N, C-alpha and C. Protein backbone atom coordinates (compact mmCIF):
# COMPACT_ATOMS: atom_id res chain seq x y z
N MET A 1 96.72 83.41 73.40
CA MET A 1 97.57 84.19 74.11
C MET A 1 97.85 85.42 73.42
N ASN A 2 97.50 86.61 73.87
CA ASN A 2 97.62 87.99 73.11
C ASN A 2 99.23 88.17 73.23
N SER A 3 99.55 89.37 72.43
CA SER A 3 100.98 89.91 72.24
C SER A 3 101.43 90.10 73.56
N LYS A 4 100.76 90.88 74.52
CA LYS A 4 101.37 91.14 75.95
C LYS A 4 101.62 90.03 76.79
N GLN A 5 100.88 88.94 76.53
CA GLN A 5 101.08 87.71 77.31
C GLN A 5 102.27 86.93 76.68
N VAL A 6 102.37 86.93 75.21
CA VAL A 6 103.49 86.25 74.85
C VAL A 6 104.99 87.01 75.19
N ASN A 7 104.91 88.13 75.09
CA ASN A 7 106.11 88.91 75.37
C ASN A 7 106.55 88.74 77.03
N ASN A 8 105.48 88.56 77.89
CA ASN A 8 105.77 88.41 79.23
C ASN A 8 105.89 87.02 79.49
N PHE A 9 105.49 85.99 78.62
CA PHE A 9 105.82 84.66 78.72
C PHE A 9 107.51 84.44 78.53
N PHE A 10 108.03 85.10 77.27
CA PHE A 10 109.46 84.89 77.25
C PHE A 10 110.15 85.61 78.05
N LYS A 11 109.73 86.80 78.50
CA LYS A 11 110.46 87.59 79.48
C LYS A 11 110.79 86.84 80.76
N LYS A 12 109.73 86.05 81.32
CA LYS A 12 109.90 85.25 82.36
C LYS A 12 110.77 84.17 82.30
N LEU A 13 110.65 83.48 80.88
CA LEU A 13 111.54 82.20 80.66
C LEU A 13 112.84 82.79 80.73
N LYS A 14 113.26 83.95 79.99
CA LYS A 14 114.55 84.38 79.90
C LYS A 14 115.21 84.63 81.45
N ILE A 15 114.35 85.15 82.26
CA ILE A 15 114.94 85.41 83.56
C ILE A 15 115.15 84.03 84.22
N ARG A 16 114.33 82.86 84.15
CA ARG A 16 114.61 81.82 84.65
C ARG A 16 115.65 80.77 84.15
N ILE A 17 115.64 80.97 82.90
CA ILE A 17 116.64 79.89 82.15
C ILE A 17 117.71 80.73 81.63
N LYS A 18 118.97 80.67 82.13
CA LYS A 18 120.22 81.46 81.99
C LYS A 18 121.03 80.79 80.87
N ASN A 19 121.24 81.55 79.86
CA ASN A 19 122.26 81.15 78.71
C ASN A 19 122.02 79.62 78.41
N PRO A 20 120.67 79.42 77.71
CA PRO A 20 120.29 78.35 77.16
C PRO A 20 120.97 77.96 76.06
N LYS A 21 121.24 76.51 75.74
CA LYS A 21 122.13 76.09 74.45
C LYS A 21 121.88 74.64 74.30
N SER A 22 122.13 74.03 73.32
CA SER A 22 122.04 72.74 73.00
C SER A 22 122.76 72.08 73.99
N ALA A 23 122.08 70.90 74.45
CA ALA A 23 122.70 69.85 75.36
C ALA A 23 123.69 68.70 74.60
N LEU A 24 123.69 68.80 73.40
CA LEU A 24 124.41 68.07 72.60
C LEU A 24 125.79 68.24 72.65
N LYS A 25 126.80 67.47 72.52
CA LYS A 25 128.25 67.68 72.69
C LYS A 25 128.62 67.56 71.37
N TYR A 26 129.47 68.49 70.80
CA TYR A 26 130.08 68.18 69.52
C TYR A 26 131.32 68.88 69.21
N LYS A 27 132.18 68.61 68.17
CA LYS A 27 133.45 69.01 67.90
C LYS A 27 133.45 70.20 66.87
N ASN A 28 132.65 70.14 66.01
CA ASN A 28 132.59 70.99 64.85
C ASN A 28 131.20 70.98 64.24
N LYS A 29 130.97 71.81 63.26
CA LYS A 29 129.49 71.86 62.61
C LYS A 29 129.17 70.40 62.14
N PHE A 30 130.01 69.52 61.51
CA PHE A 30 129.69 68.45 61.11
C PHE A 30 129.25 67.46 62.19
N THR A 31 129.97 67.57 63.26
CA THR A 31 129.49 66.55 64.37
C THR A 31 128.29 66.93 65.01
N LEU A 32 128.05 68.32 64.82
CA LEU A 32 126.60 68.72 65.54
C LEU A 32 125.65 68.10 64.54
N LEU A 33 125.78 68.25 63.45
CA LEU A 33 124.72 67.37 62.37
C LEU A 33 124.65 66.08 62.75
N ILE A 34 125.74 65.49 62.86
CA ILE A 34 125.53 64.00 63.02
C ILE A 34 124.80 63.82 64.42
N SER A 35 125.10 64.58 65.46
CA SER A 35 124.37 64.39 66.65
C SER A 35 122.95 64.52 66.69
N VAL A 36 122.48 65.67 66.16
CA VAL A 36 121.09 66.02 66.01
C VAL A 36 120.40 64.91 65.14
N VAL A 37 121.07 64.29 63.97
CA VAL A 37 120.47 63.12 63.26
C VAL A 37 120.35 61.97 64.24
N LEU A 38 121.35 61.89 65.42
CA LEU A 38 121.43 60.62 66.08
C LEU A 38 120.21 60.88 67.26
N SER A 39 119.92 62.27 67.41
CA SER A 39 118.90 62.45 68.75
C SER A 39 117.55 62.08 68.38
N ALA A 40 117.33 61.82 67.07
CA ALA A 40 115.73 61.63 66.90
C ALA A 40 115.23 60.28 67.76
N GLN A 41 114.13 60.64 68.38
CA GLN A 41 113.84 59.52 69.32
C GLN A 41 114.76 58.97 70.31
N CYS A 42 115.77 59.79 70.85
CA CYS A 42 116.74 59.43 71.53
C CYS A 42 117.04 60.60 72.36
N THR A 43 117.47 60.41 73.76
CA THR A 43 117.85 61.54 74.54
C THR A 43 119.21 62.14 74.26
N ASP A 44 119.44 63.29 74.43
CA ASP A 44 120.67 63.76 74.22
C ASP A 44 121.68 63.33 75.02
N LYS A 45 121.45 62.87 76.21
CA LYS A 45 122.37 62.20 76.96
C LYS A 45 122.88 60.98 76.47
N ASN A 46 121.96 60.17 75.76
CA ASN A 46 122.44 58.84 75.39
C ASN A 46 123.34 59.11 74.23
N VAL A 47 123.00 60.27 73.32
CA VAL A 47 123.76 60.46 72.13
C VAL A 47 125.19 60.88 72.51
N ASN A 48 125.28 61.81 73.61
CA ASN A 48 126.52 62.20 74.10
C ASN A 48 127.31 61.08 74.66
N ASN A 49 126.73 60.17 75.34
CA ASN A 49 127.42 59.11 75.80
C ASN A 49 128.15 58.11 74.62
N VAL A 50 127.49 57.98 73.65
CA VAL A 50 127.86 57.23 72.34
C VAL A 50 128.90 57.88 71.74
N THR A 51 128.51 59.33 71.50
CA THR A 51 129.50 60.01 70.52
C THR A 51 130.84 60.52 71.18
N LYS A 52 130.83 60.53 72.44
CA LYS A 52 132.12 61.19 73.10
C LYS A 52 133.42 60.40 72.71
N GLU A 53 133.14 59.10 72.57
CA GLU A 53 134.58 58.41 72.17
C GLU A 53 134.67 58.43 70.68
N ILE A 54 133.52 58.47 69.76
CA ILE A 54 133.52 58.42 68.38
C ILE A 54 134.18 59.73 67.85
N TYR A 55 133.79 60.92 68.44
CA TYR A 55 134.35 62.18 68.12
C TYR A 55 135.93 62.37 68.39
N LYS A 56 136.44 61.51 69.01
CA LYS A 56 137.78 61.65 69.24
C LYS A 56 138.53 61.28 68.00
N LYS A 57 137.95 60.48 67.24
CA LYS A 57 138.70 59.71 66.26
C LYS A 57 138.04 60.00 64.90
N TYR A 58 136.62 60.23 64.74
CA TYR A 58 136.18 60.43 63.61
C TYR A 58 135.15 61.81 63.59
N PHE A 59 135.49 62.82 62.89
CA PHE A 59 134.69 64.01 63.01
C PHE A 59 134.84 64.77 61.61
N THR A 60 135.02 64.25 60.61
CA THR A 60 134.79 64.77 59.25
C THR A 60 133.98 63.78 58.33
N PRO A 61 133.38 64.36 57.30
CA PRO A 61 132.53 63.39 56.45
C PRO A 61 133.51 62.33 55.75
N GLU A 62 134.80 62.74 55.46
CA GLU A 62 135.48 61.79 54.87
C GLU A 62 135.79 60.42 56.05
N HIS A 63 135.92 60.89 57.25
CA HIS A 63 136.08 59.77 58.26
C HIS A 63 134.86 58.86 58.13
N PHE A 64 133.62 59.44 58.06
CA PHE A 64 132.48 58.38 58.13
C PHE A 64 132.21 57.73 56.68
N LEU A 65 132.62 58.40 55.94
CA LEU A 65 132.69 57.88 54.44
C LEU A 65 133.49 56.45 54.54
N ASN A 66 134.93 56.71 54.87
CA ASN A 66 135.58 55.63 54.88
C ASN A 66 135.39 54.61 56.02
N LEU A 67 134.68 54.80 57.09
CA LEU A 67 134.07 53.70 57.92
C LEU A 67 133.27 52.92 57.28
N GLY A 68 132.37 53.43 56.53
CA GLY A 68 131.32 52.46 55.80
C GLY A 68 130.06 52.33 56.60
N GLU A 69 128.98 52.07 56.20
CA GLU A 69 127.71 51.89 56.68
C GLU A 69 127.81 50.97 57.95
N LYS A 70 128.31 49.74 57.62
CA LYS A 70 128.45 48.60 58.53
C LYS A 70 129.28 49.01 59.93
N ARG A 71 130.14 49.77 59.61
CA ARG A 71 131.12 50.05 60.82
C ARG A 71 130.53 51.26 61.68
N ILE A 72 129.81 52.11 60.92
CA ILE A 72 128.94 53.09 61.66
C ILE A 72 128.17 52.49 62.60
N GLN A 73 127.23 51.28 62.03
CA GLN A 73 126.25 50.64 62.65
C GLN A 73 127.01 50.23 63.91
N LYS A 74 128.12 49.56 64.02
CA LYS A 74 128.80 49.10 65.00
C LYS A 74 129.01 50.17 66.20
N LEU A 75 129.40 51.38 65.67
CA LEU A 75 129.74 52.40 66.71
C LEU A 75 128.64 53.08 67.05
N ILE A 76 127.23 53.13 66.76
CA ILE A 76 126.17 53.60 67.29
C ILE A 76 124.88 52.74 67.71
N LYS A 77 125.42 51.36 67.94
CA LYS A 77 124.41 50.46 68.09
C LYS A 77 123.55 50.55 69.19
N ARG A 78 124.27 51.39 70.16
CA ARG A 78 123.40 51.70 71.49
C ARG A 78 122.26 52.69 71.06
N ILE A 79 122.11 53.31 70.08
CA ILE A 79 121.18 54.38 69.93
C ILE A 79 120.08 53.72 68.93
N GLY A 80 118.85 54.11 69.46
CA GLY A 80 117.65 53.56 68.63
C GLY A 80 117.73 53.97 67.09
N LEU A 81 117.14 53.14 66.49
CA LEU A 81 117.04 53.14 64.92
C LEU A 81 118.30 53.40 64.47
N PHE A 82 119.46 52.50 64.93
CA PHE A 82 120.83 52.77 64.49
C PHE A 82 121.17 52.33 63.05
N ARG A 83 120.30 51.30 62.46
CA ARG A 83 120.30 51.12 61.23
C ARG A 83 120.15 52.06 60.15
N ASN A 84 118.91 52.68 60.33
CA ASN A 84 118.52 53.81 59.48
C ASN A 84 119.43 55.00 59.67
N LYS A 85 119.85 55.19 60.94
CA LYS A 85 120.84 56.32 61.05
C LYS A 85 122.12 56.29 60.59
N SER A 86 122.43 54.96 60.53
CA SER A 86 123.96 54.70 59.93
C SER A 86 123.77 54.86 58.43
N LYS A 87 122.86 54.52 57.85
CA LYS A 87 122.59 54.71 56.43
C LYS A 87 122.61 56.15 56.07
N SER A 88 121.77 56.98 57.11
CA SER A 88 121.67 58.52 56.78
C SER A 88 123.06 59.09 56.80
N ILE A 89 123.82 58.69 57.84
CA ILE A 89 125.20 59.44 58.31
C ILE A 89 126.19 59.09 57.06
N TYR A 90 126.01 57.78 56.56
CA TYR A 90 127.08 57.48 55.65
C TYR A 90 126.62 58.25 54.32
N ASN A 91 125.45 58.30 53.91
CA ASN A 91 124.97 59.04 52.65
C ASN A 91 125.19 60.58 52.91
N LEU A 92 124.82 61.12 53.92
CA LEU A 92 124.99 62.79 54.08
C LEU A 92 126.36 62.91 53.92
N SER A 93 127.37 62.16 54.57
CA SER A 93 128.81 62.16 54.56
C SER A 93 129.12 62.37 53.06
N LYS A 94 128.79 61.42 52.19
CA LYS A 94 128.95 61.25 50.90
C LYS A 94 128.67 62.46 50.06
N GLU A 95 127.50 62.99 50.49
CA GLU A 95 126.85 64.21 49.68
C GLU A 95 127.39 65.52 50.03
N LEU A 96 127.84 65.44 51.34
CA LEU A 96 128.65 66.63 51.84
C LEU A 96 130.27 66.79 51.10
N ILE A 97 130.71 65.64 50.91
CA ILE A 97 131.84 65.54 50.18
C ILE A 97 131.80 66.01 48.57
N GLU A 98 130.72 65.24 47.96
CA GLU A 98 130.56 65.59 46.48
C GLU A 98 129.85 66.94 46.23
N LYS A 99 129.00 67.43 47.17
CA LYS A 99 128.21 68.65 46.64
C LYS A 99 128.60 69.81 47.46
N HIS A 100 129.25 69.70 48.69
CA HIS A 100 129.50 70.94 49.54
C HIS A 100 130.95 70.99 49.89
N GLN A 101 131.68 70.48 49.11
CA GLN A 101 133.29 70.55 49.55
C GLN A 101 133.53 70.06 51.16
N SER A 102 132.86 69.05 51.49
CA SER A 102 132.94 68.50 52.97
C SER A 102 132.44 69.46 53.90
N LYS A 103 131.84 70.49 53.56
CA LYS A 103 131.36 71.55 54.53
C LYS A 103 129.69 71.48 54.84
N VAL A 104 129.38 71.61 56.02
CA VAL A 104 128.02 71.74 56.25
C VAL A 104 127.30 72.94 55.72
N PRO A 105 126.36 72.86 55.13
CA PRO A 105 125.93 74.21 54.40
C PRO A 105 125.09 75.16 55.24
N GLY A 106 125.22 76.30 55.15
CA GLY A 106 124.38 77.22 56.06
C GLY A 106 123.25 77.88 55.54
N LYS A 107 122.51 77.02 54.74
CA LYS A 107 121.26 77.54 53.97
C LYS A 107 120.23 76.05 54.30
N PHE A 108 119.06 76.66 54.72
CA PHE A 108 118.03 75.52 55.15
C PHE A 108 117.63 74.74 54.05
N ASN A 109 117.43 75.36 52.66
CA ASN A 109 117.01 74.52 51.54
C ASN A 109 118.27 73.55 51.15
N ASP A 110 119.31 73.78 51.64
CA ASP A 110 120.52 72.80 51.12
C ASP A 110 120.55 71.70 52.18
N LEU A 111 120.23 72.06 53.57
CA LEU A 111 120.39 71.19 54.58
C LEU A 111 119.17 70.14 54.56
N ILE A 112 118.23 70.48 54.14
CA ILE A 112 116.99 69.51 54.22
C ILE A 112 117.07 68.56 52.99
N LYS A 113 118.02 68.91 51.97
CA LYS A 113 118.37 67.96 50.93
C LYS A 113 119.07 66.77 51.29
N LEU A 114 119.99 66.97 52.54
CA LEU A 114 120.89 65.87 52.77
C LEU A 114 120.04 64.75 53.38
N PRO A 115 120.57 63.57 53.26
CA PRO A 115 119.87 62.30 53.71
C PRO A 115 119.66 62.08 55.34
N GLY A 116 118.45 62.13 55.63
CA GLY A 116 118.18 61.88 57.03
C GLY A 116 118.02 63.34 57.77
N VAL A 117 118.13 64.51 57.06
CA VAL A 117 117.95 65.79 57.61
C VAL A 117 116.54 66.36 57.36
N GLY A 118 115.67 66.35 58.36
CA GLY A 118 114.39 67.27 58.28
C GLY A 118 114.50 68.56 58.68
N ARG A 119 113.26 69.18 58.86
CA ARG A 119 113.10 70.62 59.36
C ARG A 119 113.86 70.81 60.61
N LYS A 120 113.69 70.16 61.61
CA LYS A 120 113.94 70.17 62.90
C LYS A 120 115.41 70.30 63.00
N THR A 121 116.06 68.98 62.35
CA THR A 121 117.52 68.93 62.24
C THR A 121 118.09 70.22 61.74
N ALA A 122 117.62 70.67 60.68
CA ALA A 122 118.35 71.80 59.84
C ALA A 122 117.91 73.06 60.79
N ASN A 123 117.03 73.02 61.32
CA ASN A 123 116.96 74.39 62.24
C ASN A 123 117.70 74.51 63.47
N VAL A 124 117.82 73.43 64.19
CA VAL A 124 118.96 73.16 65.19
C VAL A 124 120.29 73.63 64.62
N VAL A 125 120.74 73.02 63.52
CA VAL A 125 122.11 73.35 63.03
C VAL A 125 122.35 74.84 62.79
N LEU A 126 121.16 75.35 62.03
CA LEU A 126 121.40 76.69 61.58
C LEU A 126 121.29 77.73 63.05
N ASN A 127 120.57 77.32 64.08
CA ASN A 127 120.57 78.03 65.24
C ASN A 127 121.63 78.03 65.91
N GLU A 128 122.33 76.65 66.02
CA GLU A 128 123.48 76.56 67.19
C GLU A 128 124.68 77.19 66.50
N VAL A 129 124.93 76.63 65.32
CA VAL A 129 126.40 76.93 64.86
C VAL A 129 126.50 78.10 63.83
N PHE A 130 125.30 78.26 63.18
CA PHE A 130 125.25 79.62 62.19
C PHE A 130 124.77 80.89 62.75
N ASN A 131 124.26 80.72 63.90
CA ASN A 131 123.74 81.97 64.71
C ASN A 131 122.55 82.54 63.95
N ILE A 132 121.57 81.67 63.33
CA ILE A 132 120.45 82.06 62.63
C ILE A 132 119.10 81.87 63.44
N PRO A 133 118.35 82.80 63.73
CA PRO A 133 117.27 82.77 64.71
C PRO A 133 116.10 81.84 64.12
N THR A 134 116.20 80.75 64.17
CA THR A 134 115.33 79.64 63.57
C THR A 134 114.72 78.94 64.96
N ILE A 135 113.70 78.15 64.64
CA ILE A 135 112.96 77.45 65.74
C ILE A 135 112.83 75.90 65.15
N ALA A 136 113.20 75.08 66.04
CA ALA A 136 113.32 73.60 65.81
C ALA A 136 112.35 73.10 66.68
N VAL A 137 111.27 72.44 66.15
CA VAL A 137 110.02 71.98 67.08
C VAL A 137 110.23 70.42 67.18
N ASP A 138 110.48 70.26 68.64
CA ASP A 138 110.57 68.79 68.85
C ASP A 138 109.45 68.64 69.77
N THR A 139 109.39 67.29 70.56
CA THR A 139 108.02 67.00 71.17
C THR A 139 107.80 67.84 72.42
N HIS A 140 108.94 68.48 73.05
CA HIS A 140 108.82 69.23 74.21
C HIS A 140 108.14 70.63 73.68
N ILE A 141 108.59 71.17 72.59
CA ILE A 141 108.01 72.53 72.12
C ILE A 141 106.71 72.24 71.51
N PHE A 142 106.34 71.28 70.82
CA PHE A 142 105.17 70.83 70.25
C PHE A 142 104.05 70.91 71.43
N ARG A 143 104.41 70.19 72.78
CA ARG A 143 103.62 70.08 73.70
C ARG A 143 103.29 71.43 74.40
N VAL A 144 104.46 72.21 74.72
CA VAL A 144 104.30 73.49 75.34
C VAL A 144 103.46 74.43 74.56
N SER A 145 103.64 74.40 73.21
CA SER A 145 103.00 75.40 72.39
C SER A 145 101.49 75.26 72.21
N ASN A 146 101.23 73.77 72.35
CA ASN A 146 99.74 73.57 72.30
C ASN A 146 99.15 73.79 73.81
N ARG A 147 99.59 73.26 74.61
CA ARG A 147 99.14 73.25 76.07
C ARG A 147 98.83 74.66 76.39
N THR A 148 99.98 75.51 76.35
CA THR A 148 99.86 76.91 76.80
C THR A 148 98.86 77.81 75.95
N LYS A 149 98.71 77.33 74.67
CA LYS A 149 98.06 78.00 73.64
C LYS A 149 98.99 79.10 73.29
N LEU A 150 100.36 78.98 73.30
CA LEU A 150 101.20 80.01 72.66
C LEU A 150 101.09 80.09 71.21
N ALA A 151 101.25 78.81 70.64
CA ALA A 151 101.39 78.58 69.28
C ALA A 151 100.62 77.29 68.68
N PRO A 152 99.22 77.16 68.93
CA PRO A 152 98.65 75.69 68.70
C PRO A 152 98.63 75.36 67.21
N GLY A 153 99.02 74.02 67.17
CA GLY A 153 98.89 73.49 65.85
C GLY A 153 98.78 72.08 65.78
N LYS A 154 98.48 71.57 64.61
CA LYS A 154 98.25 69.93 64.61
C LYS A 154 99.50 69.06 64.34
N THR A 155 100.43 69.76 63.86
CA THR A 155 101.58 69.32 63.38
C THR A 155 102.90 70.17 63.82
N PRO A 156 103.95 69.31 63.92
CA PRO A 156 105.18 70.39 64.31
C PRO A 156 105.39 71.58 63.32
N ASP A 157 105.29 71.24 61.91
CA ASP A 157 105.38 72.32 61.05
C ASP A 157 104.61 73.43 61.19
N HIS A 158 103.34 73.18 61.53
CA HIS A 158 102.17 74.13 61.79
C HIS A 158 102.52 74.79 63.04
N VAL A 159 103.12 74.22 64.10
CA VAL A 159 103.47 75.00 65.34
C VAL A 159 104.76 75.66 64.87
N GLU A 160 105.81 75.24 64.14
CA GLU A 160 106.80 76.18 63.97
C GLU A 160 106.31 77.49 63.09
N GLN A 161 105.73 77.29 62.22
CA GLN A 161 104.90 78.59 61.41
C GLN A 161 104.21 79.64 62.34
N GLU A 162 103.59 79.02 63.40
CA GLU A 162 102.78 79.70 64.14
C GLU A 162 103.80 80.58 65.22
N LEU A 163 104.78 79.87 65.51
CA LEU A 163 105.87 80.34 66.47
C LEU A 163 106.57 81.57 66.01
N TYR A 164 106.90 81.28 64.73
CA TYR A 164 107.62 82.49 63.86
C TYR A 164 106.73 83.70 63.85
N LYS A 165 105.35 83.49 63.91
CA LYS A 165 104.41 84.73 63.91
C LYS A 165 104.35 85.18 65.25
N LYS A 166 104.22 84.58 66.33
CA LYS A 166 104.06 85.05 67.72
C LYS A 166 105.36 85.38 68.34
N VAL A 167 106.41 84.60 68.31
CA VAL A 167 107.58 84.90 69.00
C VAL A 167 108.21 86.43 68.68
N PRO A 168 108.51 87.46 69.74
CA PRO A 168 108.86 88.49 69.44
C PRO A 168 110.39 88.37 69.05
N ARG A 169 110.91 89.19 68.03
CA ARG A 169 112.08 89.18 67.35
C ARG A 169 113.10 88.92 68.45
N LYS A 170 113.19 89.81 69.57
CA LYS A 170 114.35 89.72 70.46
C LYS A 170 114.36 88.54 71.08
N TYR A 171 113.54 87.66 71.14
CA TYR A 171 113.53 86.48 71.74
C TYR A 171 113.67 85.32 70.77
N LEU A 172 113.60 85.56 69.39
CA LEU A 172 113.65 84.53 68.48
C LEU A 172 114.87 83.64 68.36
N LYS A 173 115.98 84.04 68.73
CA LYS A 173 117.37 83.26 68.64
C LYS A 173 117.24 82.08 69.60
N LYS A 174 116.68 82.49 70.85
CA LYS A 174 116.96 81.51 72.01
C LYS A 174 115.26 80.93 72.21
N ALA A 175 114.43 81.24 71.53
CA ALA A 175 113.14 80.90 71.89
C ALA A 175 113.00 79.38 71.90
N HIS A 176 113.45 78.50 70.90
CA HIS A 176 113.14 77.16 70.98
C HIS A 176 114.00 76.38 72.22
N HIS A 177 115.01 77.02 72.70
CA HIS A 177 115.86 76.51 73.94
C HIS A 177 115.02 76.68 75.05
N TYR A 178 114.49 78.00 75.23
CA TYR A 178 113.67 78.28 76.38
C TYR A 178 112.40 77.39 76.46
N LEU A 179 111.65 77.04 75.32
CA LEU A 179 110.57 76.29 75.24
C LEU A 179 110.85 74.84 75.52
N LEU A 180 111.90 74.59 74.81
CA LEU A 180 112.50 72.96 75.24
C LEU A 180 112.87 72.68 76.52
N LEU A 181 113.64 73.54 77.14
CA LEU A 181 113.93 73.48 78.63
C LEU A 181 112.70 73.54 79.65
N HIS A 182 111.97 74.51 79.25
CA HIS A 182 110.60 74.57 80.03
C HIS A 182 109.73 73.28 79.95
N GLY A 183 109.65 72.85 78.65
CA GLY A 183 109.10 71.56 78.71
C GLY A 183 109.64 70.24 79.11
N ARG A 184 110.79 70.13 79.31
CA ARG A 184 111.74 69.40 79.76
C ARG A 184 111.62 69.16 81.36
N HIS A 185 111.60 70.25 81.78
CA HIS A 185 111.81 70.41 83.44
C HIS A 185 110.42 70.96 83.97
N THR A 186 109.70 71.64 83.49
CA THR A 186 108.40 72.07 84.02
C THR A 186 107.17 71.95 83.60
N CYS A 187 106.99 72.07 82.17
CA CYS A 187 105.60 71.74 81.67
C CYS A 187 105.68 70.32 81.19
N LYS A 188 106.11 69.22 81.93
CA LYS A 188 106.24 67.93 81.67
C LYS A 188 104.72 67.23 80.96
N ALA A 189 105.17 66.18 80.34
CA ALA A 189 103.91 65.63 79.48
C ALA A 189 102.87 65.12 80.56
N ARG A 190 103.46 64.42 81.56
CA ARG A 190 102.81 64.09 82.72
C ARG A 190 103.06 64.78 83.93
N ASN A 191 102.05 65.33 84.61
CA ASN A 191 101.98 65.94 85.96
C ASN A 191 103.16 67.16 85.76
N PRO A 192 102.59 68.06 84.87
CA PRO A 192 103.35 69.53 84.67
C PRO A 192 103.44 70.13 86.29
N LEU A 193 104.37 70.88 86.25
CA LEU A 193 104.66 71.36 87.68
C LEU A 193 104.17 72.85 87.61
N CYS A 194 102.80 73.01 87.40
CA CYS A 194 102.13 74.30 87.25
C CYS A 194 102.48 75.38 88.46
N GLY A 195 102.54 74.63 89.75
CA GLY A 195 102.77 75.19 90.82
C GLY A 195 104.02 75.99 90.92
N GLU A 196 105.02 75.49 90.11
CA GLU A 196 106.15 76.07 90.07
C GLU A 196 106.47 76.88 88.85
N CYS A 197 105.64 77.07 88.01
CA CYS A 197 105.61 77.74 86.61
C CYS A 197 105.91 79.14 86.63
N VAL A 198 106.91 79.53 86.05
CA VAL A 198 107.19 81.30 86.16
C VAL A 198 106.34 81.78 84.97
N VAL A 199 105.68 81.06 84.14
CA VAL A 199 104.75 81.74 83.12
C VAL A 199 103.28 81.17 83.38
N TYR A 200 103.03 80.92 84.56
CA TYR A 200 101.59 80.39 84.94
C TYR A 200 100.60 81.58 84.61
N LYS A 201 100.90 82.75 84.96
CA LYS A 201 99.75 83.76 84.72
C LYS A 201 99.47 83.96 83.08
N SER A 202 100.59 83.78 82.31
CA SER A 202 100.36 83.93 80.86
C SER A 202 99.84 82.53 80.13
N CYS A 203 99.92 81.62 80.93
CA CYS A 203 99.62 80.36 80.06
C CYS A 203 98.02 80.08 80.04
N ASP A 204 97.53 79.61 78.91
CA ASP A 204 96.07 79.36 78.80
C ASP A 204 95.81 77.87 79.01
N PHE A 205 96.63 77.02 79.56
CA PHE A 205 96.29 75.68 79.97
C PHE A 205 94.76 75.58 80.81
N GLU A 206 93.93 75.06 79.99
CA GLU A 206 92.73 74.95 80.81
C GLU A 206 92.52 74.13 82.12
N ASP A 207 93.52 73.06 82.23
CA ASP A 207 93.52 72.30 83.49
C ASP A 207 94.74 72.56 84.27
N LYS A 208 95.12 73.53 84.20
CA LYS A 208 96.44 74.22 85.22
C LYS A 208 96.13 74.18 86.73
N LEU A 209 94.73 74.40 86.99
CA LEU A 209 94.50 74.47 88.39
C LEU A 209 94.63 72.99 89.00
N LYS A 210 94.67 72.18 88.32
CA LYS A 210 94.69 70.71 88.78
C LYS A 210 96.17 70.26 89.10
N TYR A 211 96.97 71.06 88.67
CA TYR A 211 98.46 70.75 88.94
C TYR A 211 99.23 71.59 89.78
N VAL A 212 98.39 72.71 90.46
CA VAL A 212 98.93 73.53 91.35
C VAL A 212 99.28 73.09 92.80
């Protein structure tokens, strides 16, 4: 996909997708961080259903540290991998208190040092609440980037770096929202809706005629 196609690709997505933002519901920077950790291999809808009651009472690192790992497990047991996630939430809460004055750091290198926080989680937090133009590659973005040939790569990290090279600066802040929502609603894993796709002409998906 050449630079003209890429620019047109995002121009069309911007027109179609109005005011994109994270579907996760949160109370503050800390609860967004928790929600993104919980969202690994889980839908945003399921995370929101679980956290809507939790965040009414617990929304600071101190709250979760005082809860302890076992009680956190009980609160999030409807979420996949809840045992591992409980451990991460407890430990990252402890680390935020001890090393960051209970505040979520606004630097990538600080975020990824927190338990349970990888590149995707760090980039979501930086983009959503620190207004930094980052790209968080999830399964939808990985698929769209490879299928359309926008930014092909064998791993999420590779796709992320390719997107930074390809995405025009003016679209960078909202790029991962555009790609995620396009992947979720149009460029689906099975039976993509190519006949309804606004970026059909810019896309280099070799089998797109089969889905028109």
